[in-house]
Full PDB file with SEQRES, HELIX, SHEET, SSBOND, CRYST1, ORIGX, SCALE, CONECT and MASTER records, all heavy atoms in Angstrom:
SEQRES   1 A   33  ASN ALA LEU ARG THR ARG PHE LEU ASN LEU ASN GLY ALA          
SEQRES   2 A   33  LYS VAL ASP HIS ILE PHE LYS LYS ALA GLU ASP ALA ASP          
SEQRES   3 A   33  GLN ASP THR ASP TRP GLU SER                                  
HELIX    1 AA1 ALA A    2  LEU A   10  1                                   9    
HELIX    2 AA2 ALA A   22  GLN A   27  5                                   6    
CRYST1    1.000    1.000    1.000  90.00  90.00  90.00 P 1           1          
ORIGX1      1.000000  0.000000  0.000000        0.00000                         
ORIGX2      0.000000  1.000000  0.000000        0.00000                         
ORIGX3      0.000000  0.000000  1.000000        0.00000                         
SCALE1      1.000000  0.000000  0.000000        0.00000                         
SCALE2      0.000000  1.000000  0.000000        0.00000                         
SCALE3      0.000000  0.000000  1.000000        0.00000                         
ATOM      1  N   ASN A   1      72.173  26.474  74.710  1.00  0.00           N  
ATOM      2  CA  ASN A   1      72.010  26.588  73.257  1.00  0.00           C  
ATOM      3  C   ASN A   1      73.109  27.437  72.643  1.00  0.00           C  
ATOM      4  O   ASN A   1      73.588  27.154  71.532  1.00  0.00           O  
ATOM      5  CB  ASN A   1      70.638  27.178  72.923  1.00  0.00           C  
ATOM      6  CG  ASN A   1      69.501  26.229  73.290  1.00  0.00           C  
ATOM      7  OD1 ASN A   1      69.677  25.011  73.288  1.00  0.00           O  
ATOM      8  ND2 ASN A   1      68.341  26.775  73.622  1.00  0.00           N  
ATOM      9  N   ALA A   2      73.523  28.489  73.357  1.00  0.00           N  
ATOM     10  CA  ALA A   2      74.599  29.351  72.850  1.00  0.00           C  
ATOM     11  C   ALA A   2      75.911  28.582  72.757  1.00  0.00           C  
ATOM     12  O   ALA A   2      76.653  28.700  71.777  1.00  0.00           O  
ATOM     13  CB  ALA A   2      74.768  30.574  73.751  1.00  0.00           C  
ATOM     14  N   LEU A   3      76.195  27.773  73.787  1.00  0.00           N  
ATOM     15  CA  LEU A   3      77.407  26.953  73.756  1.00  0.00           C  
ATOM     16  C   LEU A   3      77.332  25.908  72.650  1.00  0.00           C  
ATOM     17  O   LEU A   3      78.321  25.639  71.957  1.00  0.00           O  
ATOM     18  CB  LEU A   3      77.621  26.269  75.109  1.00  0.00           C  
ATOM     19  CG  LEU A   3      78.036  27.163  76.280  1.00  0.00           C  
ATOM     20  CD1 LEU A   3      78.070  26.360  77.573  1.00  0.00           C  
ATOM     21  CD2 LEU A   3      79.384  27.812  76.025  1.00  0.00           C  
ATOM     22  N   ARG A   4      76.140  25.323  72.468  1.00  0.00           N  
ATOM     23  CA  ARG A   4      75.965  24.321  71.406  1.00  0.00           C  
ATOM     24  C   ARG A   4      76.233  24.959  70.038  1.00  0.00           C  
ATOM     25  O   ARG A   4      76.921  24.367  69.189  1.00  0.00           O  
ATOM     26  CB  ARG A   4      74.551  23.749  71.454  1.00  0.00           C  
ATOM     27  CG  ARG A   4      74.292  22.682  70.375  1.00  0.00           C  
ATOM     28  CD  ARG A   4      72.860  22.182  70.391  1.00  0.00           C  
ATOM     29  NE  ARG A   4      72.551  21.437  71.596  1.00  0.00           N  
ATOM     30  CZ  ARG A   4      71.686  21.832  72.533  1.00  0.00           C  
ATOM     31  NH1 ARG A   4      71.050  22.992  72.405  1.00  0.00           N  
ATOM     32  NH2 ARG A   4      71.459  21.076  73.589  1.00  0.00           N  
ATOM     33  N   THR A   5      75.706  26.160  69.830  1.00  0.00           N  
ATOM     34  CA  THR A   5      75.918  26.848  68.556  1.00  0.00           C  
ATOM     35  C   THR A   5      77.397  27.143  68.338  1.00  0.00           C  
ATOM     36  O   THR A   5      77.933  26.932  67.243  1.00  0.00           O  
ATOM     37  CB  THR A   5      75.112  28.158  68.529  1.00  0.00           C  
ATOM     38  OG1 THR A   5      73.719  27.849  68.669  1.00  0.00           O  
ATOM     39  CG2 THR A   5      75.332  28.908  67.223  1.00  0.00           C  
ATOM     40  N   ARG A   6      78.068  27.623  69.385  1.00  0.00           N  
ATOM     41  CA  ARG A   6      79.504  27.899  69.267  1.00  0.00           C  
ATOM     42  C   ARG A   6      80.268  26.629  68.935  1.00  0.00           C  
ATOM     43  O   ARG A   6      81.189  26.634  68.112  1.00  0.00           O  
ATOM     44  CB  ARG A   6      80.042  28.489  70.574  1.00  0.00           C  
ATOM     45  CG  ARG A   6      79.781  29.964  70.757  1.00  0.00           C  
ATOM     46  CD  ARG A   6      80.312  30.451  72.093  1.00  0.00           C  
ATOM     47  NE  ARG A   6      81.734  30.129  72.242  1.00  0.00           N  
ATOM     48  CZ  ARG A   6      82.372  30.145  73.410  1.00  0.00           C  
ATOM     49  NH1 ARG A   6      81.716  30.431  74.525  1.00  0.00           N  
ATOM     50  NH2 ARG A   6      83.658  29.864  73.471  1.00  0.00           N  
ATOM     51  N   PHE A   7      79.891  25.534  69.592  1.00  0.00           N  
ATOM     52  CA  PHE A   7      80.578  24.265  69.355  1.00  0.00           C  
ATOM     53  C   PHE A   7      80.389  23.799  67.908  1.00  0.00           C  
ATOM     54  O   PHE A   7      81.343  23.393  67.241  1.00  0.00           O  
ATOM     55  CB  PHE A   7      80.060  23.199  70.326  1.00  0.00           C  
ATOM     56  CG  PHE A   7      80.548  21.814  69.999  1.00  0.00           C  
ATOM     57  CD1 PHE A   7      81.853  21.440  70.269  1.00  0.00           C  
ATOM     58  CD2 PHE A   7      79.700  20.889  69.399  1.00  0.00           C  
ATOM     59  CE1 PHE A   7      82.306  20.168  69.960  1.00  0.00           C  
ATOM     60  CE2 PHE A   7      80.150  19.619  69.091  1.00  0.00           C  
ATOM     61  CZ  PHE A   7      81.455  19.255  69.367  1.00  0.00           C  
ATOM     62  N   LEU A   8      79.151  23.864  67.419  1.00  0.00           N  
ATOM     63  CA  LEU A   8      78.877  23.405  66.057  1.00  0.00           C  
ATOM     64  C   LEU A   8      79.560  24.299  65.034  1.00  0.00           C  
ATOM     65  O   LEU A   8      80.013  23.819  63.985  1.00  0.00           O  
ATOM     66  CB  LEU A   8      77.367  23.358  65.812  1.00  0.00           C  
ATOM     67  CG  LEU A   8      76.609  22.305  66.633  1.00  0.00           C  
ATOM     68  CD1 LEU A   8      75.106  22.426  66.402  1.00  0.00           C  
ATOM     69  CD2 LEU A   8      77.088  20.897  66.306  1.00  0.00           C  
ATOM     70  N   ASN A   9      79.656  25.599  65.312  1.00  0.00           N  
ATOM     71  CA  ASN A   9      80.347  26.512  64.398  1.00  0.00           C  
ATOM     72  C   ASN A   9      81.845  26.260  64.397  1.00  0.00           C  
ATOM     73  O   ASN A   9      82.520  26.412  63.373  1.00  0.00           O  
ATOM     74  CB  ASN A   9      80.070  27.971  64.781  1.00  0.00           C  
ATOM     75  CG  ASN A   9      78.655  28.394  64.457  1.00  0.00           C  
ATOM     76  OD1 ASN A   9      77.988  27.766  63.638  1.00  0.00           O  
ATOM     77  ND2 ASN A   9      78.181  29.448  65.096  1.00  0.00           N  
ATOM     78  N   LEU A  10      82.373  25.907  65.561  1.00  0.00           N  
ATOM     79  CA  LEU A  10      83.811  25.680  65.682  1.00  0.00           C  
ATOM     80  C   LEU A  10      84.192  24.288  65.227  1.00  0.00           C  
ATOM     81  O   LEU A  10      85.321  24.044  64.822  1.00  0.00           O  
ATOM     82  CB  LEU A  10      84.233  25.871  67.141  1.00  0.00           C  
ATOM     83  CG  LEU A  10      85.706  26.161  67.416  1.00  0.00           C  
ATOM     84  CD1 LEU A  10      86.128  27.460  66.721  1.00  0.00           C  
ATOM     85  CD2 LEU A  10      85.945  26.281  68.905  1.00  0.00           C  
ATOM     86  N   ASN A  11      83.244  23.371  65.273  1.00  0.00           N  
ATOM     87  CA  ASN A  11      83.526  21.990  64.892  1.00  0.00           C  
ATOM     88  C   ASN A  11      84.024  21.948  63.453  1.00  0.00           C  
ATOM     89  O   ASN A  11      83.369  22.425  62.543  1.00  0.00           O  
ATOM     90  CB  ASN A  11      82.250  21.150  65.031  1.00  0.00           C  
ATOM     91  CG  ASN A  11      82.538  19.669  64.963  1.00  0.00           C  
ATOM     92  OD1 ASN A  11      83.661  19.244  65.208  1.00  0.00           O  
ATOM     93  ND2 ASN A  11      81.538  18.896  64.628  1.00  0.00           N  
ATOM     94  N   GLY A  12      85.203  21.384  63.269  1.00  0.00           N  
ATOM     95  CA  GLY A  12      85.793  21.385  61.942  1.00  0.00           C  
ATOM     96  C   GLY A  12      86.959  22.337  61.861  1.00  0.00           C  
ATOM     97  O   GLY A  12      87.763  22.268  60.953  1.00  0.00           O  
ATOM     98  N   ALA A  13      87.078  23.231  62.840  1.00  0.00           N  
ATOM     99  CA  ALA A  13      88.219  24.136  62.852  1.00  0.00           C  
ATOM    100  C   ALA A  13      89.266  23.617  63.829  1.00  0.00           C  
ATOM    101  O   ALA A  13      90.277  23.062  63.454  1.00  0.00           O  
ATOM    102  CB  ALA A  13      87.776  25.549  63.223  1.00  0.00           C  
ATOM    103  N   LYS A  14      88.960  23.769  65.121  1.00  0.00           N  
ATOM    104  CA  LYS A  14      89.939  23.339  66.118  1.00  0.00           C  
ATOM    105  C   LYS A  14      89.435  22.220  67.010  1.00  0.00           C  
ATOM    106  O   LYS A  14      90.231  21.511  67.599  1.00  0.00           O  
ATOM    107  CB  LYS A  14      90.321  24.520  67.015  1.00  0.00           C  
ATOM    108  CG  LYS A  14      91.109  25.596  66.310  1.00  0.00           C  
ATOM    109  CD  LYS A  14      91.502  26.659  67.308  1.00  0.00           C  
ATOM    110  CE  LYS A  14      92.248  27.775  66.632  1.00  0.00           C  
ATOM    111  NZ  LYS A  14      92.603  28.834  67.561  1.00  0.00           N  
ATOM    112  N   VAL A  15      88.144  22.095  67.140  1.00  0.00           N  
ATOM    113  CA  VAL A  15      87.603  21.090  68.051  1.00  0.00           C  
ATOM    114  C   VAL A  15      87.335  19.815  67.275  1.00  0.00           C  
ATOM    115  O   VAL A  15      86.700  19.836  66.231  1.00  0.00           O  
ATOM    116  CB  VAL A  15      86.299  21.604  68.708  1.00  0.00           C  
ATOM    117  CG1 VAL A  15      85.730  20.559  69.656  1.00  0.00           C  
ATOM    118  CG2 VAL A  15      86.570  22.894  69.444  1.00  0.00           C  
ATOM    119  N   ASP A  16      87.835  18.695  67.774  1.00  0.00           N  
ATOM    120  CA  ASP A  16      87.636  17.447  67.050  1.00  0.00           C  
ATOM    121  C   ASP A  16      86.186  16.983  67.174  1.00  0.00           C  
ATOM    122  O   ASP A  16      85.374  17.604  67.831  1.00  0.00           O  
ATOM    123  CB  ASP A  16      88.629  16.366  67.493  1.00  0.00           C  
ATOM    124  CG  ASP A  16      88.479  16.021  68.965  1.00  0.00           C  
ATOM    125  OD1 ASP A  16      87.395  16.297  69.514  1.00  0.00           O  
ATOM    126  OD2 ASP A  16      89.413  15.485  69.558  1.00  0.00           O  
ATOM    127  N   HIS A  17      85.879  15.861  66.525  1.00  0.00           N  
ATOM    128  CA  HIS A  17      84.486  15.451  66.355  1.00  0.00           C  
ATOM    129  C   HIS A  17      84.075  14.348  67.312  1.00  0.00           C  
ATOM    130  O   HIS A  17      83.084  13.673  67.071  1.00  0.00           O  
ATOM    131  CB  HIS A  17      84.273  14.972  64.923  1.00  0.00           C  
ATOM    132  CG  HIS A  17      84.993  13.698  64.621  1.00  0.00           C  
ATOM    133  ND1 HIS A  17      86.363  13.625  64.582  1.00  0.00           N  
ATOM    134  CD2 HIS A  17      84.536  12.452  64.370  1.00  0.00           C  
ATOM    135  CE1 HIS A  17      86.706  12.373  64.304  1.00  0.00           C  
ATOM    136  NE2 HIS A  17      85.624  11.642  64.177  1.00  0.00           N  
ATOM    137  N   ILE A  18      84.820  14.154  68.388  1.00  0.00           N  
ATOM    138  CA  ILE A  18      84.524  13.011  69.244  1.00  0.00           C  
ATOM    139  C   ILE A  18      83.186  13.163  69.943  1.00  0.00           C  
ATOM    140  O   ILE A  18      82.403  12.236  70.050  1.00  0.00           O  
ATOM    141  CB  ILE A  18      85.666  12.814  70.258  1.00  0.00           C  
ATOM    142  CG1 ILE A  18      86.928  12.396  69.506  1.00  0.00           C  
ATOM    143  CG2 ILE A  18      85.304  11.773  71.305  1.00  0.00           C  
ATOM    144  CD1 ILE A  18      88.169  12.417  70.327  1.00  0.00           C  
ATOM    145  N   PHE A  19      82.899  14.373  70.433  1.00  0.00           N  
ATOM    146  CA  PHE A  19      81.644  14.574  71.146  1.00  0.00           C  
ATOM    147  C   PHE A  19      80.560  14.831  70.112  1.00  0.00           C  
ATOM    148  O   PHE A  19      80.546  15.857  69.454  1.00  0.00           O  
ATOM    149  CB  PHE A  19      81.776  15.767  72.086  1.00  0.00           C  
ATOM    150  CG  PHE A  19      80.510  16.087  72.827  1.00  0.00           C  
ATOM    151  CD1 PHE A  19      80.083  15.289  73.871  1.00  0.00           C  
ATOM    152  CD2 PHE A  19      79.738  17.182  72.476  1.00  0.00           C  
ATOM    153  CE1 PHE A  19      78.917  15.581  74.551  1.00  0.00           C  
ATOM    154  CE2 PHE A  19      78.576  17.475  73.148  1.00  0.00           C  
ATOM    155  CZ  PHE A  19      78.168  16.677  74.191  1.00  0.00           C  
ATOM    156  N   LYS A  20      79.652  13.890  69.941  1.00  0.00           N  
ATOM    157  CA  LYS A  20      78.620  14.015  68.911  1.00  0.00           C  
ATOM    158  C   LYS A  20      77.269  13.624  69.470  1.00  0.00           C  
ATOM    159  O   LYS A  20      77.136  12.629  70.152  1.00  0.00           O  
ATOM    160  CB  LYS A  20      78.944  13.092  67.727  1.00  0.00           C  
ATOM    161  CG  LYS A  20      79.981  13.678  66.793  1.00  0.00           C  
ATOM    162  CD  LYS A  20      79.377  14.776  65.987  1.00  0.00           C  
ATOM    163  CE  LYS A  20      80.401  15.376  65.054  1.00  0.00           C  
ATOM    164  NZ  LYS A  20      79.846  16.501  64.333  1.00  0.00           N  
ATOM    165  N   LYS A  21      76.297  14.443  69.174  1.00  0.00           N  
ATOM    166  CA  LYS A  21      74.922  14.057  69.481  1.00  0.00           C  
ATOM    167  C   LYS A  21      74.413  13.202  68.318  1.00  0.00           C  
ATOM    168  O   LYS A  21      74.952  13.231  67.221  1.00  0.00           O  
ATOM    169  CB  LYS A  21      74.059  15.310  69.640  1.00  0.00           C  
ATOM    170  CG  LYS A  21      74.311  16.007  70.953  1.00  0.00           C  
ATOM    171  CD  LYS A  21      73.774  15.147  72.059  1.00  0.00           C  
ATOM    172  CE  LYS A  21      74.369  15.519  73.392  1.00  0.00           C  
ATOM    173  NZ  LYS A  21      74.105  14.515  74.397  1.00  0.00           N  
ATOM    174  N   ALA A  22      73.341  12.465  68.552  1.00  0.00           N  
ATOM    175  CA  ALA A  22      72.836  11.535  67.540  1.00  0.00           C  
ATOM    176  C   ALA A  22      72.531  12.239  66.226  1.00  0.00           C  
ATOM    177  O   ALA A  22      72.775  11.706  65.153  1.00  0.00           O  
ATOM    178  CB  ALA A  22      71.587  10.830  68.070  1.00  0.00           C  
ATOM    179  N   GLU A  23      72.015  13.481  66.307  1.00  0.00           N  
ATOM    180  CA  GLU A  23      71.623  14.143  65.065  1.00  0.00           C  
ATOM    181  C   GLU A  23      72.826  14.525  64.209  1.00  0.00           C  
ATOM    182  O   GLU A  23      72.687  14.816  63.035  1.00  0.00           O  
ATOM    183  CB  GLU A  23      70.776  15.395  65.348  1.00  0.00           C  
ATOM    184  CG  GLU A  23      71.493  16.476  66.152  1.00  0.00           C  
ATOM    185  CD  GLU A  23      71.213  16.344  67.640  1.00  0.00           C  
ATOM    186  OE1 GLU A  23      70.942  15.209  68.089  1.00  0.00           O  
ATOM    187  OE2 GLU A  23      71.256  17.362  68.340  1.00  0.00           O  
ATOM    188  N   ASP A  24      74.044  14.508  64.800  1.00  0.00           N  
ATOM    189  CA  ASP A  24      75.230  14.880  64.042  1.00  0.00           C  
ATOM    190  C   ASP A  24      76.060  13.666  63.660  1.00  0.00           C  
ATOM    191  O   ASP A  24      77.151  13.797  63.139  1.00  0.00           O  
ATOM    192  CB  ASP A  24      76.116  15.827  64.864  1.00  0.00           C  
ATOM    193  CG  ASP A  24      75.413  17.136  65.160  1.00  0.00           C  
ATOM    194  OD1 ASP A  24      74.682  17.624  64.279  1.00  0.00           O  
ATOM    195  OD2 ASP A  24      75.583  17.633  66.265  1.00  0.00           O  
ATOM    196  N   ALA A  25      75.541  12.477  63.915  1.00  0.00           N  
ATOM    197  CA  ALA A  25      76.349  11.276  63.741  1.00  0.00           C  
ATOM    198  C   ALA A  25      76.781  11.074  62.299  1.00  0.00           C  
ATOM    199  O   ALA A  25      77.814  10.469  62.038  1.00  0.00           O  
ATOM    200  CB  ALA A  25      75.574  10.052  64.215  1.00  0.00           C  
ATOM    201  N   ASP A  26      75.994  11.600  61.351  1.00  0.00           N  
ATOM    202  CA  ASP A  26      76.354  11.376  59.950  1.00  0.00           C  
ATOM    203  C   ASP A  26      77.301  12.446  59.430  1.00  0.00           C  
ATOM    204  O   ASP A  26      77.629  12.469  58.261  1.00  0.00           O  
ATOM    205  CB  ASP A  26      75.088  11.331  59.084  1.00  0.00           C  
ATOM    206  CG  ASP A  26      74.286  12.618  59.195  1.00  0.00           C  
ATOM    207  OD1 ASP A  26      74.519  13.375  60.159  1.00  0.00           O  
ATOM    208  OD2 ASP A  26      73.443  12.860  58.318  1.00  0.00           O  
ATOM    209  N   GLN A  27      77.740  13.345  60.282  1.00  0.00           N  
ATOM    210  CA  GLN A  27      78.623  14.417  59.816  1.00  0.00           C  
ATOM    211  C   GLN A  27      80.015  14.284  60.397  1.00  0.00           C  
ATOM    212  O   GLN A  27      80.790  15.211  60.347  1.00  0.00           O  
ATOM    213  CB  GLN A  27      78.053  15.778  60.227  1.00  0.00           C  
ATOM    214  CG  GLN A  27      76.684  16.053  59.663  1.00  0.00           C  
ATOM    215  CD  GLN A  27      76.112  17.342  60.198  1.00  0.00           C  
ATOM    216  OE1 GLN A  27      76.767  18.067  60.946  1.00  0.00           O  
ATOM    217  NE2 GLN A  27      74.892  17.656  59.826  1.00  0.00           N  
ATOM    218  N   ASP A  28      80.338  13.124  60.946  1.00  0.00           N  
ATOM    219  CA  ASP A  28      81.576  13.049  61.699  1.00  0.00           C  
ATOM    220  C   ASP A  28      82.821  12.912  60.832  1.00  0.00           C  
ATOM    221  O   ASP A  28      83.891  12.661  61.335  1.00  0.00           O  
ATOM    222  CB  ASP A  28      81.526  11.907  62.725  1.00  0.00           C  
ATOM    223  CG  ASP A  28      81.308  10.569  62.056  1.00  0.00           C  
ATOM    224  OD1 ASP A  28      81.181  10.526  60.821  1.00  0.00           O  
ATOM    225  OD2 ASP A  28      81.253   9.578  62.778  1.00  0.00           O  
ATOM    226  N   THR A  29      82.691  13.104  59.518  1.00  0.00           N  
ATOM    227  CA  THR A  29      83.886  13.106  58.686  1.00  0.00           C  
ATOM    228  C   THR A  29      84.098  14.468  58.052  1.00  0.00           C  
ATOM    229  O   THR A  29      84.878  14.610  57.129  1.00  0.00           O  
ATOM    230  CB  THR A  29      83.763  12.046  57.576  1.00  0.00           C  
ATOM    231  OG1 THR A  29      82.564  12.297  56.831  1.00  0.00           O  
ATOM    232  CG2 THR A  29      83.702  10.650  58.143  1.00  0.00           C  
ATOM    233  N   ASP A  30      83.418  15.488  58.568  1.00  0.00           N  
ATOM    234  CA  ASP A  30      83.473  16.800  57.938  1.00  0.00           C  
ATOM    235  C   ASP A  30      84.490  17.733  58.575  1.00  0.00           C  
ATOM    236  O   ASP A  30      84.389  18.931  58.452  1.00  0.00           O  
ATOM    237  CB  ASP A  30      82.092  17.485  58.006  1.00  0.00           C  
ATOM    238  CG  ASP A  30      81.071  16.711  57.204  1.00  0.00           C  
ATOM    239  OD1 ASP A  30      81.485  15.911  56.366  1.00  0.00           O  
ATOM    240  OD2 ASP A  30      79.870  16.931  57.436  1.00  0.00           O  
ATOM    241  N   TRP A  31      85.466  17.180  59.266  1.00  0.00           N  
ATOM    242  CA  TRP A  31      86.361  18.091  59.998  1.00  0.00           C  
ATOM    243  C   TRP A  31      87.788  18.042  59.476  1.00  0.00           C  
ATOM    244  O   TRP A  31      88.738  18.157  60.207  1.00  0.00           O  
ATOM    245  CB  TRP A  31      86.322  17.765  61.495  1.00  0.00           C  
ATOM    246  CG  TRP A  31      86.858  16.425  61.821  1.00  0.00           C  
ATOM    247  CD1 TRP A  31      86.284  15.224  61.539  1.00  0.00           C  
ATOM    248  CD2 TRP A  31      88.088  16.112  62.487  1.00  0.00           C  
ATOM    249  NE1 TRP A  31      87.074  14.198  61.994  1.00  0.00           N  
ATOM    250  CE2 TRP A  31      88.174  14.712  62.570  1.00  0.00           C  
ATOM    251  CE3 TRP A  31      89.118  16.881  63.027  1.00  0.00           C  
ATOM    252  CZ2 TRP A  31      89.251  14.065  63.152  1.00  0.00           C  
ATOM    253  CZ3 TRP A  31      90.188  16.231  63.616  1.00  0.00           C  
ATOM    254  CH2 TRP A  31      90.250  14.849  63.677  1.00  0.00           C  
ATOM    255  N   GLU A  32      87.943  17.897  58.147  1.00  0.00           N  
ATOM    256  CA  GLU A  32      89.292  17.866  57.608  1.00  0.00           C  
ATOM    257  C   GLU A  32      90.028  19.152  57.958  1.00  0.00           C  
ATOM    258  O   GLU A  32      89.447  20.218  58.057  1.00  0.00           O  
ATOM    259  CB  GLU A  32      89.258  17.747  56.069  1.00  0.00           C  
ATOM    260  CG  GLU A  32      88.774  16.407  55.568  1.00  0.00           C  
ATOM    261  CD  GLU A  32      87.306  16.442  55.264  1.00  0.00           C  
ATOM    262  OE1 GLU A  32      86.540  16.669  56.210  1.00  0.00           O  
ATOM    263  OE2 GLU A  32      86.918  16.253  54.116  1.00  0.00           O  
ATOM    264  N   SER A  33      91.329  19.028  58.104  1.00  0.00           N  
ATOM    265  CA  SER A  33      92.148  20.198  58.435  1.00  0.00           C  
ATOM    266  C   SER A  33      92.132  21.155  57.257  1.00  0.00           C  
ATOM    267  O   SER A  33      92.269  20.767  56.102  1.00  0.00           O  
ATOM    268  CB  SER A  33      93.583  19.751  58.728  1.00  0.00           C  
ATOM    269  OG  SER A  33      94.403  20.871  58.868  1.00  0.00           O  
TER     270      SER A  33                                                      
MASTER        0    0    0    2    0    0    0    6  269    1    0    3          
END                                                                             
């Protein structure tokens, strides 16, 4: 859970959006530079 939280917090900064769980599928365009 700690890693998941870190990933979701970092998502949109440096980590791209390729790895997505189903609940995040509708947010995969929120990672603009």
